[in-house]
């Protein structure tokens, strides 16, 4: 199975956080292929670096552009709709961003690597917490 990195991993990774890098290295040894990111993670990263000076922003974009981005499809929308309906009906509060990330990971049958404990609420997502 392939890994998908959440924003909560990407931001510290880009800042060379030694703890996150080490934990991710341990996880990556068990899986083949380079990790991917979702459309939302890409968006959140770009939005988060908006106020950096040009040189730092350019360097950050070069970092994030190394990752493949999972495509968004009609099936993604169907999965998202089902998730949103199920979790809202059960009274569990989740952000739309988290549900969109979960939808892409579910659709592709991948494993999400995250530091965000909110993903523990989504039973359908295979998740590794670091």
C-alpha atoms as a PDB file:
ATOM      1  CA  UNK A   1       0.000   0.000   0.000  1.00  0.00           C
ATOM      2  CA  UNK A   2       1.065   3.546  -0.675  1.00  0.00           C
ATOM      3  CA  UNK A   3       1.294   6.287   1.924  1.00  0.00           C
ATOM      4  CA  UNK A   4      -0.453   9.648   1.772  1.00  0.00           C
ATOM      5  CA  UNK A   5       1.005  12.455   3.887  1.00  0.00           C
ATOM      6  CA  UNK A   6      -1.337  14.844   5.666  1.00  0.00           C
ATOM      7  CA  UNK A   7      -0.635  18.565   6.125  1.00  0.00           C
ATOM      8  CA  UNK A   8       0.191  17.882   9.775  1.00  0.00           C
ATOM      9  CA  UNK A   9       3.187  15.882   8.519  1.00  0.00           C
ATOM     10  CA  UNK A  10       4.097  17.990   5.478  1.00  0.00           C
ATOM     11  CA  UNK A  11       4.552  21.289   7.336  1.00  0.00           C
ATOM     12  CA  UNK A  12       7.005  19.928   9.948  1.00  0.00           C
ATOM     13  CA  UNK A  13       8.731  17.875   7.257  1.00  0.00           C
ATOM     14  CA  UNK A  14       9.340  20.998   5.189  1.00  0.00           C
ATOM     15  CA  UNK A  15      10.762  22.685   8.303  1.00  0.00           C
ATOM     16  CA  UNK A  16      13.136  19.707   8.784  1.00  0.00           C
ATOM     17  CA  UNK A  17      11.531  18.650  12.075  1.00  0.00           C
ATOM     18  CA  UNK A  18      13.844  15.845  13.198  1.00  0.00           C
ATOM     19  CA  UNK A  19      11.192  13.965  15.182  1.00  0.00           C
ATOM     20  CA  UNK A  20       8.720  13.881  12.280  1.00  0.00           C
ATOM     21  CA  UNK A  21      11.465  12.990   9.787  1.00  0.00           C
ATOM     22  CA  UNK A  22      12.642  10.086  11.961  1.00  0.00           C
ATOM     23  CA  UNK A  23       9.130   8.741  12.554  1.00  0.00           C
ATOM     24  CA  UNK A  24       8.295   9.053   8.865  1.00  0.00           C
ATOM     25  CA  UNK A  25      11.507   7.288   7.888  1.00  0.00           C
ATOM     26  CA  UNK A  26      10.532   4.367  10.144  1.00  0.00           C
ATOM     27  CA  UNK A  27       7.071   4.181   8.568  1.00  0.00           C
ATOM     28  CA  UNK A  28       8.345   4.483   4.982  1.00  0.00           C
ATOM     29  CA  UNK A  29      10.620   1.458   5.411  1.00  0.00           C
ATOM     30  CA  UNK A  30       7.536  -0.772   5.596  1.00  0.00           C
ATOM     31  CA  UNK A  31       5.892   0.521   2.395  1.00  0.00           C
ATOM     32  CA  UNK A  32       6.885   0.676  -1.246  1.00  0.00           C
ATOM     33  CA  UNK A  33       6.970   3.783  -3.365  1.00  0.00           C
ATOM     34  CA  UNK A  34       7.176   7.446  -2.533  1.00  0.00           C
ATOM     35  CA  UNK A  35       4.336   8.963  -0.505  1.00  0.00           C
ATOM     36  CA  UNK A  36       1.694  11.139  -2.156  1.00  0.00           C
ATOM     37  CA  UNK A  37      -0.427  14.057  -0.960  1.00  0.00           C
ATOM     38  CA  UNK A  38      -4.016  15.098  -1.536  1.00  0.00           C
ATOM     39  CA  UNK A  39      -5.338  18.165  -3.308  1.00  0.00           C
ATOM     40  CA  UNK A  40      -6.328  19.628   0.090  1.00  0.00           C
ATOM     41  CA  UNK A  41      -2.847  19.107   1.537  1.00  0.00           C
ATOM     42  CA  UNK A  42      -1.355  20.849  -1.487  1.00  0.00           C
ATOM     43  CA  UNK A  43      -3.820  23.726  -1.099  1.00  0.00           C
ATOM     44  CA  UNK A  44      -3.242  24.032   2.677  1.00  0.00           C
ATOM     45  CA  UNK A  45       0.511  24.100   2.135  1.00  0.00           C
ATOM     46  CA  UNK A  46       0.363  26.775  -0.580  1.00  0.00           C
ATOM     47  CA  UNK A  47      -2.025  28.846   1.498  1.00  0.00           C
ATOM     48  CA  UNK A  48       0.222  28.469   4.554  1.00  0.00           C
ATOM     49  CA  UNK A  49       3.301  29.801   2.768  1.00  0.00           C
ATOM     50  CA  UNK A  50       1.570  32.815   1.193  1.00  0.00           C
ATOM     51  CA  UNK A  51       3.161  35.358   3.537  1.00  0.00           C
ATOM     52  CA  UNK A  52       6.727  34.107   3.167  1.00  0.00           C
ATOM     53  CA  UNK A  53       9.209  36.194   1.234  1.00  0.00           C
ATOM     54  CA  UNK A  54       9.669  35.253  -2.408  1.00  0.00           C
ATOM     55  CA  UNK A  55      12.851  33.204  -1.972  1.00  0.00           C
ATOM     56  CA  UNK A  56      11.461  31.156   0.956  1.00  0.00           C
ATOM     57  CA  UNK A  57       8.140  30.666  -0.817  1.00  0.00           C
ATOM     58  CA  UNK A  58       9.922  29.501  -3.967  1.00  0.00           C
ATOM     59  CA  UNK A  59      11.941  26.994  -1.943  1.00  0.00           C
ATOM     60  CA  UNK A  60       8.772  25.732  -0.209  1.00  0.00           C
ATOM     61  CA  UNK A  61       6.953  25.299  -3.540  1.00  0.00           C
ATOM     62  CA  UNK A  62       9.908  23.278  -4.865  1.00  0.00           C
ATOM     63  CA  UNK A  63       9.576  21.047  -1.779  1.00  0.00           C
ATOM     64  CA  UNK A  64       5.820  20.428  -2.111  1.00  0.00           C
ATOM     65  CA  UNK A  65       6.021  19.939  -5.872  1.00  0.00           C
ATOM     66  CA  UNK A  66       8.135  16.801  -5.330  1.00  0.00           C
ATOM     67  CA  UNK A  67       4.980  14.962  -4.210  1.00  0.00           C
ATOM     68  CA  UNK A  68       2.398  13.420  -6.520  1.00  0.00           C
ATOM     69  CA  UNK A  69      -1.110  14.720  -5.908  1.00  0.00           C
ATOM     70  CA  UNK A  70      -3.983  12.251  -5.828  1.00  0.00           C
ATOM     71  CA  UNK A  71      -6.626  13.090  -8.430  1.00  0.00           C
ATOM     72  CA  UNK A  72     -10.115  14.159  -7.400  1.00  0.00           C
ATOM     73  CA  UNK A  73     -12.838  12.218  -9.193  1.00  0.00           C
ATOM     74  CA  UNK A  74     -16.595  11.720  -9.214  1.00  0.00           C
ATOM     75  CA  UNK A  75     -16.024   8.719  -6.972  1.00  0.00           C
ATOM     76  CA  UNK A  76     -14.177  10.988  -4.516  1.00  0.00           C
ATOM     77  CA  UNK A  77     -17.277  13.189  -4.390  1.00  0.00           C
ATOM     78  CA  UNK A  78     -19.529  10.168  -3.781  1.00  0.00           C
ATOM     79  CA  UNK A  79     -17.323   8.913  -0.945  1.00  0.00           C
ATOM     80  CA  UNK A  80     -17.186  12.424   0.527  1.00  0.00           C
ATOM     81  CA  UNK A  81     -20.961  12.742   0.354  1.00  0.00           C
ATOM     82  CA  UNK A  82     -21.416   9.397   2.102  1.00  0.00           C
ATOM     83  CA  UNK A  83     -18.865  10.265   4.804  1.00  0.00           C
ATOM     84  CA  UNK A  84     -20.361  13.687   5.457  1.00  0.00           C
ATOM     85  CA  UNK A  85     -23.866  12.250   5.708  1.00  0.00           C
ATOM     86  CA  UNK A  86     -22.799   9.373   7.978  1.00  0.00           C
ATOM     87  CA  UNK A  87     -20.749  11.444  10.400  1.00  0.00           C
ATOM     88  CA  UNK A  88     -23.119  14.415  10.572  1.00  0.00           C
ATOM     89  CA  UNK A  89     -25.994  12.014  11.231  1.00  0.00           C
ATOM     90  CA  UNK A  90     -24.048  10.389  14.076  1.00  0.00           C
ATOM     91  CA  UNK A  91     -23.191  13.796  15.592  1.00  0.00           C
ATOM     92  CA  UNK A  92     -19.443  13.476  15.038  1.00  0.00           C
ATOM     93  CA  UNK A  93     -17.898  16.793  14.038  1.00  0.00           C
ATOM     94  CA  UNK A  94     -15.241  16.695  11.337  1.00  0.00           C
ATOM     95  CA  UNK A  95     -13.865  19.438   9.126  1.00  0.00           C
ATOM     96  CA  UNK A  96     -14.714  19.346   5.438  1.00  0.00           C
ATOM     97  CA  UNK A  97     -10.977  19.382   4.691  1.00  0.00           C
ATOM     98  CA  UNK A  98     -10.397  16.248   6.770  1.00  0.00           C
ATOM     99  CA  UNK A  99     -13.330  14.501   5.124  1.00  0.00           C
ATOM    100  CA  UNK A 100     -12.005  15.434   1.669  1.00  0.00           C
ATOM    101  CA  UNK A 101      -8.584  14.019   2.538  1.00  0.00           C
ATOM    102  CA  UNK A 102     -10.210  10.881   3.928  1.00  0.00           C
ATOM    103  CA  UNK A 103     -12.298  10.493   0.765  1.00  0.00           C
ATOM    104  CA  UNK A 104      -9.248  10.497  -1.484  1.00  0.00           C
ATOM    105  CA  UNK A 105      -7.351   8.072   0.754  1.00  0.00           C
ATOM    106  CA  UNK A 106     -10.341   5.703   0.921  1.00  0.00           C
ATOM    107  CA  UNK A 107     -10.888   5.859  -2.829  1.00  0.00           C
ATOM    108  CA  UNK A 108      -7.297   4.948  -3.615  1.00  0.00           C
ATOM    109  CA  UNK A 109      -7.022   2.294  -0.879  1.00  0.00           C
ATOM    110  CA  UNK A 110      -4.007   4.046   0.598  1.00  0.00           C
ATOM    111  CA  UNK A 111      -2.770   4.728   4.138  1.00  0.00           C
ATOM    112  CA  UNK A 112      -2.865   8.217   5.631  1.00  0.00           C
ATOM    113  CA  UNK A 113       0.142   9.323   7.675  1.00  0.00           C
ATOM    114  CA  UNK A 114      -0.852  12.126  10.030  1.00  0.00           C
ATOM    115  CA  UNK A 115      -0.317  13.827  13.375  1.00  0.00           C
ATOM    116  CA  UNK A 116      -3.969  14.940  13.434  1.00  0.00           C
ATOM    117  CA  UNK A 117      -5.951  12.846  15.943  1.00  0.00           C
ATOM    118  CA  UNK A 118      -9.253  13.926  14.317  1.00  0.00           C
ATOM    119  CA  UNK A 119      -8.656  11.237  11.701  1.00  0.00           C
ATOM    120  CA  UNK A 120      -9.110   8.616  14.433  1.00  0.00           C
ATOM    121  CA  UNK A 121     -12.829   9.470  14.256  1.00  0.00           C
ATOM    122  CA  UNK A 122     -13.033   8.244  10.648  1.00  0.00           C
ATOM    123  CA  UNK A 123     -13.188   4.461  10.861  1.00  0.00           C
ATOM    124  CA  UNK A 124     -13.020   3.960   7.096  1.00  0.00           C
ATOM    125  CA  UNK A 125      -9.517   5.455   6.775  1.00  0.00           C
ATOM    126  CA  UNK A 126      -6.415   3.347   7.262  1.00  0.00           C
ATOM    127  CA  UNK A 127      -4.235   5.668   9.331  1.00  0.00           C
ATOM    128  CA  UNK A 128      -0.759   5.761  10.820  1.00  0.00           C
ATOM    129  CA  UNK A 129      -0.319   8.377  13.528  1.00  0.00           C
ATOM    130  CA  UNK A 130       3.165   9.754  14.035  1.00  0.00           C
END
